[in-house]
Amino acid sequence: EIQFEINNKPTITNLLNYPNPFSTSTRFVFTLTGSEVPEVF
């Protein structure tokens, strides 16, 4: 069993980088809603 959430409205949260501060490398963390991934990102 797995519960999941649907939000049909396309939105994106503010993008965070982790870790921050960083010395060698960092990744980017964010959440998308809707049904399609943006073609421009």
PDB file of all heavy atoms in Angstrom:
ATOM      1  N   GLU A   1       0.846  -1.186   0.000  1.00  0.00           N
ATOM      2  CA  GLU A   1       0.000   0.000   0.000  1.00  0.00           C
ATOM      3  C   GLU A   1       0.885   1.241   0.000  1.00  0.00           C
ATOM      4  O   GLU A   1       1.854   1.321   0.754  1.00  0.00           O
ATOM      5  CB  GLU A   1      -0.915   0.026   1.222  1.00  0.00           C
ATOM      6  CG  GLU A   1      -1.927  -1.115   1.266  1.00  0.00           C
ATOM      7  CD  GLU A   1      -2.929  -0.981   2.399  1.00  0.00           C
ATOM      8  OE1 GLU A   1      -2.918   0.093   3.054  1.00  0.00           O
ATOM      9  OE2 GLU A   1      -3.714  -1.926   2.628  1.00  0.00           O
ATOM     10  N   ILE A   2       0.556   2.207  -0.848  1.00  0.00           N
ATOM     11  CA  ILE A   2       1.273   3.475  -0.874  1.00  0.00           C
ATOM     12  C   ILE A   2       0.258   4.599  -1.078  1.00  0.00           C
ATOM     13  O   ILE A   2      -0.621   4.523  -1.933  1.00  0.00           O
ATOM     14  CB  ILE A   2       2.354   3.494  -1.990  1.00  0.00           C
ATOM     15  CG1 ILE A   2       3.263   4.692  -1.859  1.00  0.00           C
ATOM     16  CG2 ILE A   2       1.726   3.421  -3.366  1.00  0.00           C
ATOM     17  CD1 ILE A   2       4.247   4.596  -0.729  1.00  0.00           C
ATOM     18  N   GLN A   3       0.384   5.623  -0.262  1.00  0.00           N
ATOM     19  CA  GLN A   3      -0.476   6.801  -0.400  1.00  0.00           C
ATOM     20  C   GLN A   3       0.296   7.876  -1.166  1.00  0.00           C
ATOM     21  O   GLN A   3       1.490   8.072  -0.938  1.00  0.00           O
ATOM     22  CB  GLN A   3      -0.901   7.312   0.974  1.00  0.00           C
ATOM     23  CG  GLN A   3      -2.001   8.359   0.933  1.00  0.00           C
ATOM     24  CD  GLN A   3      -2.455   8.764   2.328  1.00  0.00           C
ATOM     25  OE1 GLN A   3      -1.685   9.330   3.089  1.00  0.00           O
ATOM     26  NE2 GLN A   3      -3.692   8.450   2.667  1.00  0.00           N
ATOM     27  N   PHE A   4      -0.388   8.551  -2.066  1.00  0.00           N
ATOM     28  CA  PHE A   4       0.249   9.618  -2.838  1.00  0.00           C
ATOM     29  C   PHE A   4      -0.737  10.747  -3.055  1.00  0.00           C
ATOM     30  O   PHE A   4      -1.949  10.572  -2.930  1.00  0.00           O
ATOM     31  CB  PHE A   4       0.775   9.087  -4.174  1.00  0.00           C
ATOM     32  CG  PHE A   4      -0.275   8.476  -5.072  1.00  0.00           C
ATOM     33  CD1 PHE A   4      -0.923   9.235  -6.036  1.00  0.00           C
ATOM     34  CD2 PHE A   4      -0.601   7.131  -4.960  1.00  0.00           C
ATOM     35  CE1 PHE A   4      -1.893   8.682  -6.861  1.00  0.00           C
ATOM     36  CE2 PHE A   4      -1.562   6.560  -5.776  1.00  0.00           C
ATOM     37  CZ  PHE A   4      -2.208   7.327  -6.726  1.00  0.00           C
ATOM     38  N   GLU A   5      -0.179  11.919  -3.373  1.00  0.00           N
ATOM     39  CA  GLU A   5      -1.003  13.125  -3.490  1.00  0.00           C
ATOM     40  C   GLU A   5      -0.961  13.663  -4.910  1.00  0.00           C
ATOM     41  O   GLU A   5       0.085  13.625  -5.579  1.00  0.00           O
ATOM     42  CB  GLU A   5      -0.513  14.191  -2.512  1.00  0.00           C
ATOM     43  CG  GLU A   5      -1.398  15.433  -2.478  1.00  0.00           C
ATOM     44  CD  GLU A   5      -0.961  16.434  -1.420  1.00  0.00           C
ATOM     45  OE1 GLU A   5      -0.043  16.112  -0.633  1.00  0.00           O
ATOM     46  OE2 GLU A   5      -1.523  17.551  -1.403  1.00  0.00           O
ATOM     47  N   ILE A   6      -2.108  14.172  -5.353  1.00  0.00           N
ATOM     48  CA  ILE A   6      -2.242  14.757  -6.688  1.00  0.00           C
ATOM     49  C   ILE A   6      -2.621  16.231  -6.557  1.00  0.00           C
ATOM     50  O   ILE A   6      -3.520  16.593  -5.797  1.00  0.00           O
ATOM     51  CB  ILE A   6      -3.316  14.025  -7.515  1.00  0.00           C
ATOM     52  CG1 ILE A   6      -2.924  12.581  -7.769  1.00  0.00           C
ATOM     53  CG2 ILE A   6      -3.557  14.750  -8.842  1.00  0.00           C
ATOM     54  CD1 ILE A   6      -1.696  12.399  -8.619  1.00  0.00           C
ATOM     55  N   ASN A   7      -1.898  17.086  -7.303  1.00  0.00           N
ATOM     56  CA  ASN A   7      -2.258  18.493  -7.434  1.00  0.00           C
ATOM     57  C   ASN A   7      -2.149  18.830  -8.914  1.00  0.00           C
ATOM     58  O   ASN A   7      -1.057  18.889  -9.470  1.00  0.00           O
ATOM     59  CB  ASN A   7      -1.319  19.373  -6.604  1.00  0.00           C
ATOM     60  CG  ASN A   7      -1.684  20.853  -6.685  1.00  0.00           C
ATOM     61  OD1 ASN A   7      -2.543  21.248  -7.477  1.00  0.00           O
ATOM     62  ND2 ASN A   7      -1.020  21.670  -5.888  1.00  0.00           N
ATOM     63  N   ASN A   8      -3.289  18.996  -9.573  1.00  0.00           N
ATOM     64  CA  ASN A   8      -3.294  19.184 -11.022  1.00  0.00           C
ATOM     65  C   ASN A   8      -2.745  20.541 -11.464  1.00  0.00           C
ATOM     66  O   ASN A   8      -2.384  20.716 -12.633  1.00  0.00           O
ATOM     67  CB  ASN A   8      -4.715  19.024 -11.570  1.00  0.00           C
ATOM     68  CG  ASN A   8      -5.099  17.562 -11.750  1.00  0.00           C
ATOM     69  OD1 ASN A   8      -4.807  16.970 -12.782  1.00  0.00           O
ATOM     70  ND2 ASN A   8      -5.732  16.984 -10.736  1.00  0.00           N
ATOM     71  N   LYS A   9      -2.669  21.515 -10.560  1.00  0.00           N
ATOM     72  CA  LYS A   9      -2.196  22.847 -10.940  1.00  0.00           C
ATOM     73  C   LYS A   9      -0.676  22.847 -11.060  1.00  0.00           C
ATOM     74  O   LYS A   9       0.026  22.478 -10.109  1.00  0.00           O
ATOM     75  CB  LYS A   9      -2.629  23.875  -9.898  1.00  0.00           C
ATOM     76  CG  LYS A   9      -2.274  25.310 -10.277  1.00  0.00           C
ATOM     77  CD  LYS A   9      -2.797  26.282  -9.236  1.00  0.00           C
ATOM     78  CE  LYS A   9      -2.474  27.731  -9.623  1.00  0.00           C
ATOM     79  NZ  LYS A   9      -3.000  28.686  -8.636  1.00  0.00           N
ATOM     80  N   PRO A  10      -0.111  23.260 -12.216  1.00  0.00           N
ATOM     81  CA  PRO A  10       1.349  23.287 -12.357  1.00  0.00           C
ATOM     82  C   PRO A  10       1.973  24.369 -11.476  1.00  0.00           C
ATOM     83  O   PRO A  10       1.681  25.558 -11.636  1.00  0.00           O
ATOM     84  CB  PRO A  10       1.566  23.601 -13.842  1.00  0.00           C
ATOM     85  CG  PRO A  10       0.264  23.316 -14.509  1.00  0.00           C
ATOM     86  CD  PRO A  10      -0.787  23.603 -13.481  1.00  0.00           C
ATOM     87  N   THR A  11       2.804  23.962 -10.524  1.00  0.00           N
ATOM     88  CA  THR A  11       3.519  24.918  -9.672  1.00  0.00           C
ATOM     89  C   THR A  11       4.919  24.380  -9.407  1.00  0.00           C
ATOM     90  O   THR A  11       5.213  23.203  -9.621  1.00  0.00           O
ATOM     91  CB  THR A  11       2.809  25.131  -8.315  1.00  0.00           C
ATOM     92  OG1 THR A  11       2.859  23.910  -7.554  1.00  0.00           O
ATOM     93  CG2 THR A  11       1.373  25.575  -8.492  1.00  0.00           C
ATOM     94  N   ILE A  12       5.771  25.267  -8.895  1.00  0.00           N
ATOM     95  CA  ILE A  12       7.103  24.878  -8.446  1.00  0.00           C
ATOM     96  C   ILE A  12       7.429  25.651  -7.174  1.00  0.00           C
ATOM     97  O   ILE A  12       7.108  26.841  -7.058  1.00  0.00           O
ATOM     98  CB  ILE A  12       8.184  25.141  -9.528  1.00  0.00           C
ATOM     99  CG1 ILE A  12       9.560  24.680  -9.029  1.00  0.00           C
ATOM    100  CG2 ILE A  12       8.198  26.589  -9.963  1.00  0.00           C
ATOM    101  CD1 ILE A  12      10.654  24.745 -10.082  1.00  0.00           C
ATOM    102  N   THR A  13       8.007  24.974  -6.218  1.00  0.00           N
ATOM    103  CA  THR A  13       8.453  25.665  -5.011  1.00  0.00           C
ATOM    104  C   THR A  13       9.766  26.382  -5.309  1.00  0.00           C
ATOM    105  O   THR A  13      10.426  26.117  -6.320  1.00  0.00           O
ATOM    106  CB  THR A  13       8.685  24.668  -3.867  1.00  0.00           C
ATOM    107  OG1 THR A  13       9.701  23.727  -4.268  1.00  0.00           O
ATOM    108  CG2 THR A  13       7.413  23.918  -3.522  1.00  0.00           C
ATOM    109  N   ASN A  14      10.144  27.302  -4.418  1.00  0.00           N
ATOM    110  CA  ASN A  14      11.471  27.891  -4.543  1.00  0.00           C
ATOM    111  C   ASN A  14      12.527  26.796  -4.451  1.00  0.00           C
ATOM    112  O   ASN A  14      12.401  25.853  -3.670  1.00  0.00           O
ATOM    113  CB  ASN A  14      11.691  28.933  -3.444  1.00  0.00           C
ATOM    114  CG  ASN A  14      11.120  30.287  -3.826  1.00  0.00           C
ATOM    115  OD1 ASN A  14      11.329  30.765  -4.949  1.00  0.00           O
ATOM    116  ND2 ASN A  14      10.393  30.913  -2.909  1.00  0.00           N
ATOM    117  N   LEU A  15      13.555  26.959  -5.262  1.00  0.00           N
ATOM    118  CA  LEU A  15      14.596  25.952  -5.374  1.00  0.00           C
ATOM    119  C   LEU A  15      15.681  26.207  -4.325  1.00  0.00           C
ATOM    120  O   LEU A  15      16.139  27.337  -4.158  1.00  0.00           O
ATOM    121  CB  LEU A  15      15.178  26.000  -6.796  1.00  0.00           C
ATOM    122  CG  LEU A  15      16.310  25.044  -7.154  1.00  0.00           C
ATOM    123  CD1 LEU A  15      16.145  24.541  -8.576  1.00  0.00           C
ATOM    124  CD2 LEU A  15      17.654  25.765  -7.028  1.00  0.00           C
ATOM    125  N   LEU A  16      16.045  25.144  -3.611  1.00  0.00           N
ATOM    126  CA  LEU A  16      17.104  25.212  -2.612  1.00  0.00           C
ATOM    127  C   LEU A  16      18.295  24.395  -3.078  1.00  0.00           C
ATOM    128  O   LEU A  16      18.138  23.423  -3.821  1.00  0.00           O
ATOM    129  CB  LEU A  16      16.610  24.663  -1.265  1.00  0.00           C
ATOM    130  CG  LEU A  16      15.410  25.364  -0.624  1.00  0.00           C
ATOM    131  CD1 LEU A  16      14.909  24.551   0.561  1.00  0.00           C
ATOM    132  CD2 LEU A  16      15.793  26.767  -0.182  1.00  0.00           C
ATOM    133  N   ASN A  17      19.481  24.807  -2.642  1.00  0.00           N
ATOM    134  CA  ASN A  17      20.647  23.954  -2.911  1.00  0.00           C
ATOM    135  C   ASN A  17      21.111  23.317  -1.602  1.00  0.00           C
ATOM    136  O   ASN A  17      20.995  23.906  -0.520  1.00  0.00           O
ATOM    137  CB  ASN A  17      21.786  24.745  -3.555  1.00  0.00           C
ATOM    138  CG  ASN A  17      22.440  25.718  -2.609  1.00  0.00           C
ATOM    139  OD1 ASN A  17      21.796  26.656  -2.148  1.00  0.00           O
ATOM    140  ND2 ASN A  17      23.723  25.525  -2.322  1.00  0.00           N
ATOM    141  N   TYR A  18      21.577  22.079  -1.722  1.00  0.00           N
ATOM    142  CA  TYR A  18      22.009  21.334  -0.540  1.00  0.00           C
ATOM    143  C   TYR A  18      23.273  20.550  -0.877  1.00  0.00           C
ATOM    144  O   TYR A  18      23.308  19.886  -1.911  1.00  0.00           O
ATOM    145  CB  TYR A  18      20.901  20.378  -0.089  1.00  0.00           C
ATOM    146  CG  TYR A  18      21.309  19.538   1.102  1.00  0.00           C
ATOM    147  CD1 TYR A  18      21.211  20.041   2.392  1.00  0.00           C
ATOM    148  CD2 TYR A  18      21.814  18.256   0.914  1.00  0.00           C
ATOM    149  CE1 TYR A  18      21.595  19.277   3.483  1.00  0.00           C
ATOM    150  CE2 TYR A  18      22.214  17.490   1.996  1.00  0.00           C
ATOM    151  CZ  TYR A  18      22.103  17.996   3.282  1.00  0.00           C
ATOM    152  OH  TYR A  18      22.497  17.249   4.351  1.00  0.00           O
ATOM    153  N   PRO A  19      24.326  20.600  -0.059  1.00  0.00           N
ATOM    154  CA  PRO A  19      24.417  21.438   1.149  1.00  0.00           C
ATOM    155  C   PRO A  19      24.663  22.909   0.812  1.00  0.00           C
ATOM    156  O   PRO A  19      25.105  23.230  -0.286  1.00  0.00           O
ATOM    157  CB  PRO A  19      25.614  20.838   1.875  1.00  0.00           C
ATOM    158  CG  PRO A  19      26.478  20.279   0.789  1.00  0.00           C
ATOM    159  CD  PRO A  19      25.541  19.768  -0.262  1.00  0.00           C
ATOM    160  N   ASN A  20      24.423  23.739   1.792  1.00  0.00           N
ATOM    161  CA  ASN A  20      24.650  25.178   1.651  1.00  0.00           C
ATOM    162  C   ASN A  20      24.986  25.752   3.032  1.00  0.00           C
ATOM    163  O   ASN A  20      24.133  25.705   3.917  1.00  0.00           O
ATOM    164  CB  ASN A  20      23.391  25.853   1.104  1.00  0.00           C
ATOM    165  CG  ASN A  20      23.609  27.313   0.749  1.00  0.00           C
ATOM    166  OD1 ASN A  20      24.747  27.761   0.595  1.00  0.00           O
ATOM    167  ND2 ASN A  20      22.511  28.055   0.608  1.00  0.00           N
ATOM    168  N   PRO A  21      26.231  26.209   3.231  1.00  0.00           N
ATOM    169  CA  PRO A  21      27.361  26.362   2.300  1.00  0.00           C
ATOM    170  C   PRO A  21      27.912  25.014   1.822  1.00  0.00           C
ATOM    171  O   PRO A  21      27.676  23.994   2.428  1.00  0.00           O
ATOM    172  CB  PRO A  21      28.400  27.106   3.146  1.00  0.00           C
ATOM    173  CG  PRO A  21      27.660  27.664   4.328  1.00  0.00           C
ATOM    174  CD  PRO A  21      26.554  26.717   4.579  1.00  0.00           C
ATOM    175  N   PHE A  22      28.707  25.071   0.730  1.00  0.00           N
ATOM    176  CA  PHE A  22      29.352  23.859   0.219  1.00  0.00           C
ATOM    177  C   PHE A  22      30.777  24.186  -0.192  1.00  0.00           C
ATOM    178  O   PHE A  22      31.126  25.354  -0.441  1.00  0.00           O
ATOM    179  CB  PHE A  22      28.555  23.275  -0.946  1.00  0.00           C
ATOM    180  CG  PHE A  22      28.634  24.073  -2.224  1.00  0.00           C
ATOM    181  CD1 PHE A  22      29.548  23.750  -3.223  1.00  0.00           C
ATOM    182  CD2 PHE A  22      27.779  25.150  -2.436  1.00  0.00           C
ATOM    183  CE1 PHE A  22      29.604  24.474  -4.403  1.00  0.00           C
ATOM    184  CE2 PHE A  22      27.833  25.883  -3.613  1.00  0.00           C
ATOM    185  CZ  PHE A  22      28.757  25.536  -4.604  1.00  0.00           C
ATOM    186  N   SER A  23      31.573  23.111  -0.265  1.00  0.00           N
ATOM    187  CA  SER A  23      32.974  23.304  -0.649  1.00  0.00           C
ATOM    188  C   SER A  23      33.300  22.648  -1.984  1.00  0.00           C
ATOM    189  O   SER A  23      34.040  23.205  -2.791  1.00  0.00           O
ATOM    190  CB  SER A  23      33.904  22.753   0.435  1.00  0.00           C
ATOM    191  OG  SER A  23      33.663  21.374   0.641  1.00  0.00           O
ATOM    192  N   THR A  24      32.774  21.444  -2.211  1.00  0.00           N
ATOM    193  CA  THR A  24      33.119  20.722  -3.445  1.00  0.00           C
ATOM    194  C   THR A  24      31.950  20.629  -4.421  1.00  0.00           C
ATOM    195  O   THR A  24      32.127  20.762  -5.630  1.00  0.00           O
ATOM    196  CB  THR A  24      33.609  19.297  -3.115  1.00  0.00           C
ATOM    197  OG1 THR A  24      32.591  18.608  -2.361  1.00  0.00           O
ATOM    198  CG2 THR A  24      34.898  19.341  -2.310  1.00  0.00           C
ATOM    199  N   SER A  25      30.728  20.376  -3.927  1.00  0.00           N
ATOM    200  CA  SER A  25      29.585  20.246  -4.839  1.00  0.00           C
ATOM    201  C   SER A  25      28.289  20.428  -4.070  1.00  0.00           C
ATOM    202  O   SER A  25      28.242  20.291  -2.844  1.00  0.00           O
ATOM    203  CB  SER A  25      29.589  18.863  -5.522  1.00  0.00           C
ATOM    204  OG  SER A  25      29.424  17.835  -4.566  1.00  0.00           O
ATOM    205  N   THR A  26      27.220  20.726  -4.812  1.00  0.00           N
ATOM    206  CA  THR A  26      25.894  20.906  -4.210  1.00  0.00           C
ATOM    207  C   THR A  26      24.838  20.423  -5.188  1.00  0.00           C
ATOM    208  O   THR A  26      25.034  20.447  -6.412  1.00  0.00           O
ATOM    209  CB  THR A  26      25.653  22.383  -3.847  1.00  0.00           C
ATOM    210  OG1 THR A  26      24.462  22.488  -3.078  1.00  0.00           O
ATOM    211  CG2 THR A  26      25.536  23.258  -5.091  1.00  0.00           C
ATOM    212  N   ARG A  27      23.697  19.961  -4.652  1.00  0.00           N
ATOM    213  CA  ARG A  27      22.560  19.538  -5.468  1.00  0.00           C
ATOM    214  C   ARG A  27      21.411  20.526  -5.277  1.00  0.00           C
ATOM    215  O   ARG A  27      21.451  21.358  -4.373  1.00  0.00           O
ATOM    216  CB  ARG A  27      22.096  18.131  -5.066  1.00  0.00           C
ATOM    217  CG  ARG A  27      23.120  17.041  -5.338  1.00  0.00           C
ATOM    218  CD  ARG A  27      22.635  15.710  -4.769  1.00  0.00           C
ATOM    219  NE  ARG A  27      23.632  14.674  -4.917  1.00  0.00           N
ATOM    220  CZ  ARG A  27      23.695  13.812  -5.922  1.00  0.00           C
ATOM    221  NH1 ARG A  27      22.781  13.865  -6.877  1.00  0.00           N
ATOM    222  NH2 ARG A  27      24.634  12.893  -5.972  1.00  0.00           N
ATOM    223  N   PHE A  28      20.379  20.379  -6.112  1.00  0.00           N
ATOM    224  CA  PHE A  28      19.245  21.298  -6.057  1.00  0.00           C
ATOM    225  C   PHE A  28      17.971  20.531  -5.690  1.00  0.00           C
ATOM    226  O   PHE A  28      17.715  19.438  -6.208  1.00  0.00           O
ATOM    227  CB  PHE A  28      19.085  22.013  -7.396  1.00  0.00           C
ATOM    228  CG  PHE A  28      20.281  22.849  -7.751  1.00  0.00           C
ATOM    229  CD1 PHE A  28      21.274  22.338  -8.580  1.00  0.00           C
ATOM    230  CD2 PHE A  28      20.440  24.123  -7.223  1.00  0.00           C
ATOM    231  CE1 PHE A  28      22.393  23.100  -8.886  1.00  0.00           C
ATOM    232  CE2 PHE A  28      21.557  24.882  -7.524  1.00  0.00           C
ATOM    233  CZ  PHE A  28      22.536  24.380  -8.357  1.00  0.00           C
ATOM    234  N   VAL A  29      17.204  21.127  -4.781  1.00  0.00           N
ATOM    235  CA  VAL A  29      16.015  20.484  -4.212  1.00  0.00           C
ATOM    236  C   VAL A  29      14.803  21.368  -4.475  1.00  0.00           C
ATOM    237  O   VAL A  29      14.846  22.579  -4.218  1.00  0.00           O
ATOM    238  CB  VAL A  29      16.195  20.267  -2.693  1.00  0.00           C
ATOM    239  CG1 VAL A  29      14.982  19.550  -2.106  1.00  0.00           C
ATOM    240  CG2 VAL A  29      17.471  19.493  -2.401  1.00  0.00           C
ATOM    241  N   PHE A  30      13.707  20.773  -4.969  1.00  0.00           N
ATOM    242  CA  PHE A  30      12.486  21.533  -5.257  1.00  0.00           C
ATOM    243  C   PHE A  30      11.337  20.551  -5.439  1.00  0.00           C
ATOM    244  O   PHE A  30      11.534  19.328  -5.541  1.00  0.00           O
ATOM    245  CB  PHE A  30      12.658  22.386  -6.527  1.00  0.00           C
ATOM    246  CG  PHE A  30      13.058  21.587  -7.728  1.00  0.00           C
ATOM    247  CD1 PHE A  30      12.105  21.082  -8.606  1.00  0.00           C
ATOM    248  CD2 PHE A  30      14.391  21.300  -7.964  1.00  0.00           C
ATOM    249  CE1 PHE A  30      12.475  20.329  -9.702  1.00  0.00           C
ATOM    250  CE2 PHE A  30      14.778  20.540  -9.068  1.00  0.00           C
ATOM    251  CZ  PHE A  30      13.820  20.061  -9.931  1.00  0.00           C
ATOM    252  N   THR A  31      10.118  21.080  -5.501  1.00  0.00           N
ATOM    253  CA  THR A  31       8.924  20.257  -5.693  1.00  0.00           C
ATOM    254  C   THR A  31       8.109  20.803  -6.848  1.00  0.00           C
ATOM    255  O   THR A  31       7.863  22.008  -6.937  1.00  0.00           O
ATOM    256  CB  THR A  31       8.055  20.234  -4.417  1.00  0.00           C
ATOM    257  OG1 THR A  31       8.797  19.657  -3.350  1.00  0.00           O
ATOM    258  CG2 THR A  31       6.788  19.418  -4.634  1.00  0.00           C
ATOM    259  N   LEU A  32       7.697  19.902  -7.743  1.00  0.00           N
ATOM    260  CA  LEU A  32       6.842  20.243  -8.875  1.00  0.00           C
ATOM    261  C   LEU A  32       5.468  19.621  -8.669  1.00  0.00           C
ATOM    262  O   LEU A  32       5.343  18.520  -8.139  1.00  0.00           O
ATOM    263  CB  LEU A  32       7.427  19.697 -10.176  1.00  0.00           C
ATOM    264  CG  LEU A  32       8.697  20.353 -10.729  1.00  0.00           C
ATOM    265  CD1 LEU A  32       9.274  19.507 -11.856  1.00  0.00           C
ATOM    266  CD2 LEU A  32       8.387  21.755 -11.240  1.00  0.00           C
ATOM    267  N   THR A  33       4.408  20.311  -9.111  1.00  0.00           N
ATOM    268  CA  THR A  33       3.062  19.731  -9.146  1.00  0.00           C
ATOM    269  C   THR A  33       2.526  19.843 -10.570  1.00  0.00           C
ATOM    270  O   THR A  33       3.120  20.493 -11.431  1.00  0.00           O
ATOM    271  CB  THR A  33       2.109  20.449  -8.175  1.00  0.00           C
ATOM    272  OG1 THR A  33       1.918  21.801  -8.624  1.00  0.00           O
ATOM    273  CG2 THR A  33       2.669  20.460  -6.757  1.00  0.00           C
ATOM    274  N   GLY A  34       1.377  19.196 -10.804  1.00  0.00           N
ATOM    275  CA  GLY A  34       0.778  19.195 -12.141  1.00  0.00           C
ATOM    276  C   GLY A  34       0.870  17.819 -12.759  1.00  0.00           C
ATOM    277  O   GLY A  34       0.939  16.797 -12.072  1.00  0.00           O
ATOM    278  N   SER A  35       0.894  17.775 -14.070  1.00  0.00           N
ATOM    279  CA  SER A  35       0.957  16.501 -14.785  1.00  0.00           C
ATOM    280  C   SER A  35       2.139  16.412 -15.750  1.00  0.00           C
ATOM    281  O   SER A  35       2.418  15.338 -16.277  1.00  0.00           O
ATOM    282  CB  SER A  35      -0.341  16.264 -15.568  1.00  0.00           C
ATOM    283  OG  SER A  35      -0.556  17.308 -16.512  1.00  0.00           O
ATOM    284  N   GLU A  36       2.835  17.555 -15.972  1.00  0.00           N
ATOM    285  CA  GLU A  36       3.956  17.565 -16.908  1.00  0.00           C
ATOM    286  C   GLU A  36       5.141  18.309 -16.307  1.00  0.00           C
ATOM    287  O   GLU A  36       4.968  19.304 -15.597  1.00  0.00           O
ATOM    288  CB  GLU A  36       3.569  18.244 -18.228  1.00  0.00           C
ATOM    289  CG  GLU A  36       2.460  17.571 -19.002  1.00  0.00           C
ATOM    290  CD  GLU A  36       2.119  18.349 -20.256  1.00  0.00           C
ATOM    291  OE1 GLU A  36       2.967  18.392 -21.170  1.00  0.00           O
ATOM    292  OE2 GLU A  36       1.018  18.937 -20.301  1.00  0.00           O
ATOM    293  N   VAL A  37       6.335  17.822 -16.641  1.00  0.00           N
ATOM    294  CA  VAL A  37       7.558  18.505 -16.233  1.00  0.00           C
ATOM    295  C   VAL A  37       7.789  19.676 -17.188  1.00  0.00           C
ATOM    296  O   VAL A  37       7.583  19.543 -18.401  1.00  0.00           O
ATOM    297  CB  VAL A  37       8.756  17.537 -16.269  1.00  0.00           C
ATOM    298  CG1 VAL A  37      10.065  18.265 -15.987  1.00  0.00           C
ATOM    299  CG2 VAL A  37       8.546  16.416 -15.267  1.00  0.00           C
ATOM    300  N   PRO A  38       8.176  20.857 -16.690  1.00  0.00           N
ATOM    301  CA  PRO A  38       8.406  22.013 -17.582  1.00  0.00           C
ATOM    302  C   PRO A  38       9.422  21.703 -18.671  1.00  0.00           C
ATOM    303  O   PRO A  38      10.430  21.033 -18.418  1.00  0.00           O
ATOM    304  CB  PRO A  38       8.934  23.089 -16.630  1.00  0.00           C
ATOM    305  CG  PRO A  38       8.503  22.665 -15.279  1.00  0.00           C
ATOM    306  CD  PRO A  38       8.445  21.172 -15.284  1.00  0.00           C
ATOM    307  N   GLU A  39       9.142  22.204 -19.869  1.00  0.00           N
ATOM    308  CA  GLU A  39      10.113  21.996 -20.949  1.00  0.00           C
ATOM    309  C   GLU A  39      11.320  22.917 -20.801  1.00  0.00           C
ATOM    310  O   GLU A  39      12.404  22.619 -21.301  1.00  0.00           O
ATOM    311  CB  GLU A  39       9.457  22.175 -22.322  1.00  0.00           C
ATOM    312  CG  GLU A  39       8.998  23.590 -22.654  1.00  0.00           C
ATOM    313  CD  GLU A  39       7.536  23.834 -22.306  1.00  0.00           C
ATOM    314  OE1 GLU A  39       6.972  23.044 -21.540  1.00  0.00           O
ATOM    315  OE2 GLU A  39       6.966  24.815 -22.831  1.00  0.00           O
ATOM    316  N   VAL A  40      11.113  24.050 -20.127  1.00  0.00           N
ATOM    317  CA  VAL A  40      12.224  24.961 -19.828  1.00  0.00           C
ATOM    318  C   VAL A  40      12.456  24.951 -18.327  1.00  0.00           C
ATOM    319  O   VAL A  40      11.540  25.197 -17.537  1.00  0.00           O
ATOM    320  CB  VAL A  40      11.922  26.398 -20.298  1.00  0.00           C
ATOM    321  CG1 VAL A  40      13.042  27.350 -19.865  1.00  0.00           C
ATOM    322  CG2 VAL A  40      11.745  26.440 -21.812  1.00  0.00           C
ATOM    323  N   PHE A  41      13.675  24.628 -17.933  1.00  0.00           N
ATOM    324  CA  PHE A  41      14.031  24.602 -16.512  1.00  0.00           C
ATOM    325  C   PHE A  41      15.499  25.015 -16.431  1.00  0.00           C
ATOM    326  O   PHE A  41      16.398  24.216 -16.681  1.00  0.00           O
ATOM    327  CB  PHE A  41      13.841  23.195 -15.926  1.00  0.00           C
ATOM    328  CG  PHE A  41      13.790  23.165 -14.425  1.00  0.00           C
ATOM    329  CD1 PHE A  41      12.611  22.914 -13.761  1.00  0.00           C
ATOM    330  CD2 PHE A  41      14.930  23.400 -13.666  1.00  0.00           C
ATOM    331  CE1 PHE A  41      12.546  22.883 -12.381  1.00  0.00           C
ATOM    332  CE2 PHE A  41      14.885  23.370 -12.294  1.00  0.00           C
ATOM    333  CZ  PHE A  41      13.701  23.120 -11.642  1.00  0.00           C
TER     334      PHE A  41
END
